[in-house]
Structure formats: structure tokens, C-alpha cells
């Protein structure tokens, strides 16, 4: 049994080397981000090829967080 306040993802994750950290930083710098306005907030999308992937959502309407169209990691259809 393991009793800890640390998230299990941090404990059991594979250690990242300097090379992988540099690669992740480079990918973040090269990524194209775009904000899309919603009626009660906004979502932040990242371009991946021809598609836009939802990164995060900021909204004052709680039903937006339950909407599967706005869930992080899903593809956002341009309108």
C-alpha cells in the first residue's frame, strides 16, 4: 500500500530526460493556439495538422463543462 498526497501519475510516470524535455518545449513553442469564443466563455484550441484539438475550457456556464463537444482532447469543428 502506498499512502501519499502526490498524484499517482507523478509517482508511476517514466522519468523524463533533458532531451525529452527539450523536445516537449519545442513542440509547445511551435504549436499554433487559437481561442474560440463561446456564449458564456471560451475554449483554447491547438492546431494539429488540419484539425484543432481542444486544450482547455473557460466558462461561467457549468453545462459547457458537461458538453462532450467542448471536452479537452477532442477535435473542434471549425464553424
C-alpha atoms as a PDB file:
ATOM      1  CA  UNK A   1       0.000   0.000   0.000  1.00  0.00           C
ATOM      2  CA  UNK A   2       1.194   3.446  -0.843  1.00  0.00           C
ATOM      3  CA  UNK A   3      -0.097   6.395   1.174  1.00  0.00           C
ATOM      4  CA  UNK A   4       0.831   9.697  -0.396  1.00  0.00           C
ATOM      5  CA  UNK A   5      -0.614  13.076  -1.319  1.00  0.00           C
ATOM      6  CA  UNK A   6       1.206  13.052  -4.645  1.00  0.00           C
ATOM      7  CA  UNK A   7      -0.807  12.105  -7.728  1.00  0.00           C
ATOM      8  CA  UNK A   8      -0.168   8.551  -8.868  1.00  0.00           C
ATOM      9  CA  UNK A   9       0.622   9.843 -12.373  1.00  0.00           C
ATOM     10  CA  UNK A  10       3.684  11.589 -10.954  1.00  0.00           C
ATOM     11  CA  UNK A  11       4.829   8.582  -8.957  1.00  0.00           C
ATOM     12  CA  UNK A  12       4.474   5.953 -11.675  1.00  0.00           C
ATOM     13  CA  UNK A  13       5.429   8.117 -14.644  1.00  0.00           C
ATOM     14  CA  UNK A  14       8.593   7.342 -16.537  1.00  0.00           C
ATOM     15  CA  UNK A  15      11.300   9.871 -15.742  1.00  0.00           C
ATOM     16  CA  UNK A  16      11.794  12.497 -18.400  1.00  0.00           C
ATOM     17  CA  UNK A  17      15.299  13.170 -19.636  1.00  0.00           C
ATOM     18  CA  UNK A  18      16.696  16.509 -20.738  1.00  0.00           C
ATOM     19  CA  UNK A  19      16.233  15.506 -24.378  1.00  0.00           C
ATOM     20  CA  UNK A  20      12.540  14.720 -23.944  1.00  0.00           C
ATOM     21  CA  UNK A  21      12.001  17.953 -22.010  1.00  0.00           C
ATOM     22  CA  UNK A  22      13.645  19.940 -24.810  1.00  0.00           C
ATOM     23  CA  UNK A  23      11.527  18.125 -27.394  1.00  0.00           C
ATOM     24  CA  UNK A  24       8.308  18.850 -25.468  1.00  0.00           C
ATOM     25  CA  UNK A  25       9.276  22.520 -25.081  1.00  0.00           C
ATOM     26  CA  UNK A  26       9.997  22.800 -28.807  1.00  0.00           C
ATOM     27  CA  UNK A  27       6.624  21.231 -29.660  1.00  0.00           C
ATOM     28  CA  UNK A  28       4.845  23.674 -27.334  1.00  0.00           C
ATOM     29  CA  UNK A  29       6.624  26.652 -28.912  1.00  0.00           C
ATOM     30  CA  UNK A  30       5.805  25.507 -32.452  1.00  0.00           C
ATOM     31  CA  UNK A  31       2.148  24.753 -31.708  1.00  0.00           C
ATOM     32  CA  UNK A  32      -0.437  27.198 -33.038  1.00  0.00           C
ATOM     33  CA  UNK A  33      -3.042  28.087 -30.405  1.00  0.00           C
ATOM     34  CA  UNK A  34      -6.378  29.738 -31.059  1.00  0.00           C
ATOM     35  CA  UNK A  35      -9.116  30.966 -28.716  1.00  0.00           C
ATOM     36  CA  UNK A  36     -12.737  30.367 -29.668  1.00  0.00           C
ATOM     37  CA  UNK A  37     -15.446  32.433 -28.010  1.00  0.00           C
ATOM     38  CA  UNK A  38     -18.457  30.628 -26.564  1.00  0.00           C
ATOM     39  CA  UNK A  39     -21.690  32.281 -25.419  1.00  0.00           C
ATOM     40  CA  UNK A  40     -20.574  32.035 -21.760  1.00  0.00           C
ATOM     41  CA  UNK A  41     -16.788  31.745 -22.041  1.00  0.00           C
ATOM     42  CA  UNK A  42     -14.091  30.436 -24.361  1.00  0.00           C
ATOM     43  CA  UNK A  43     -12.088  27.371 -25.327  1.00  0.00           C
ATOM     44  CA  UNK A  44      -8.409  27.211 -26.254  1.00  0.00           C
ATOM     45  CA  UNK A  45      -7.536  25.004 -29.218  1.00  0.00           C
ATOM     46  CA  UNK A  46      -4.211  23.778 -30.599  1.00  0.00           C
ATOM     47  CA  UNK A  47      -3.701  23.146 -34.295  1.00  0.00           C
ATOM     48  CA  UNK A  48      -2.598  19.621 -35.148  1.00  0.00           C
ATOM     49  CA  UNK A  49      -2.360  19.149 -38.880  1.00  0.00           C
ATOM     50  CA  UNK A  50      -5.662  20.239 -40.395  1.00  0.00           C
ATOM     51  CA  UNK A  51      -7.604  19.751 -37.153  1.00  0.00           C
ATOM     52  CA  UNK A  52      -7.893  21.796 -33.984  1.00  0.00           C
ATOM     53  CA  UNK A  53      -7.692  19.913 -30.671  1.00  0.00           C
ATOM     54  CA  UNK A  54      -9.335  21.411 -27.579  1.00  0.00           C
ATOM     55  CA  UNK A  55      -6.742  22.128 -24.892  1.00  0.00           C
ATOM     56  CA  UNK A  56      -8.836  23.813 -22.176  1.00  0.00           C
ATOM     57  CA  UNK A  57     -12.179  25.403 -21.490  1.00  0.00           C
ATOM     58  CA  UNK A  58     -13.044  28.550 -19.514  1.00  0.00           C
ATOM     59  CA  UNK A  59     -16.746  29.128 -18.998  1.00  0.00           C
ATOM     60  CA  UNK A  60     -19.179  30.517 -16.438  1.00  0.00           C
ATOM     61  CA  UNK A  61     -21.889  28.086 -17.573  1.00  0.00           C
ATOM     62  CA  UNK A  62     -21.426  24.715 -15.857  1.00  0.00           C
ATOM     63  CA  UNK A  63     -23.296  22.878 -18.634  1.00  0.00           C
ATOM     64  CA  UNK A  64     -20.429  23.767 -21.023  1.00  0.00           C
ATOM     65  CA  UNK A  65     -18.126  21.531 -18.960  1.00  0.00           C
ATOM     66  CA  UNK A  66     -20.547  18.603 -19.422  1.00  0.00           C
ATOM     67  CA  UNK A  67     -20.888  19.202 -23.170  1.00  0.00           C
ATOM     68  CA  UNK A  68     -18.896  16.492 -24.965  1.00  0.00           C
ATOM     69  CA  UNK A  69     -18.240  18.879 -27.885  1.00  0.00           C
ATOM     70  CA  UNK A  70     -16.026  21.001 -25.607  1.00  0.00           C
ATOM     71  CA  UNK A  71     -14.153  18.237 -23.763  1.00  0.00           C
ATOM     72  CA  UNK A  72     -10.340  18.610 -23.759  1.00  0.00           C
ATOM     73  CA  UNK A  73      -8.596  16.281 -26.183  1.00  0.00           C
ATOM     74  CA  UNK A  74     -11.484  16.165 -28.621  1.00  0.00           C
ATOM     75  CA  UNK A  75     -11.396  17.609 -32.114  1.00  0.00           C
ATOM     76  CA  UNK A  76     -13.053  21.001 -32.590  1.00  0.00           C
ATOM     77  CA  UNK A  77     -15.027  21.540 -35.767  1.00  0.00           C
ATOM     78  CA  UNK A  78     -14.430  24.972 -37.289  1.00  0.00           C
ATOM     79  CA  UNK A  79     -17.618  26.924 -37.869  1.00  0.00           C
END
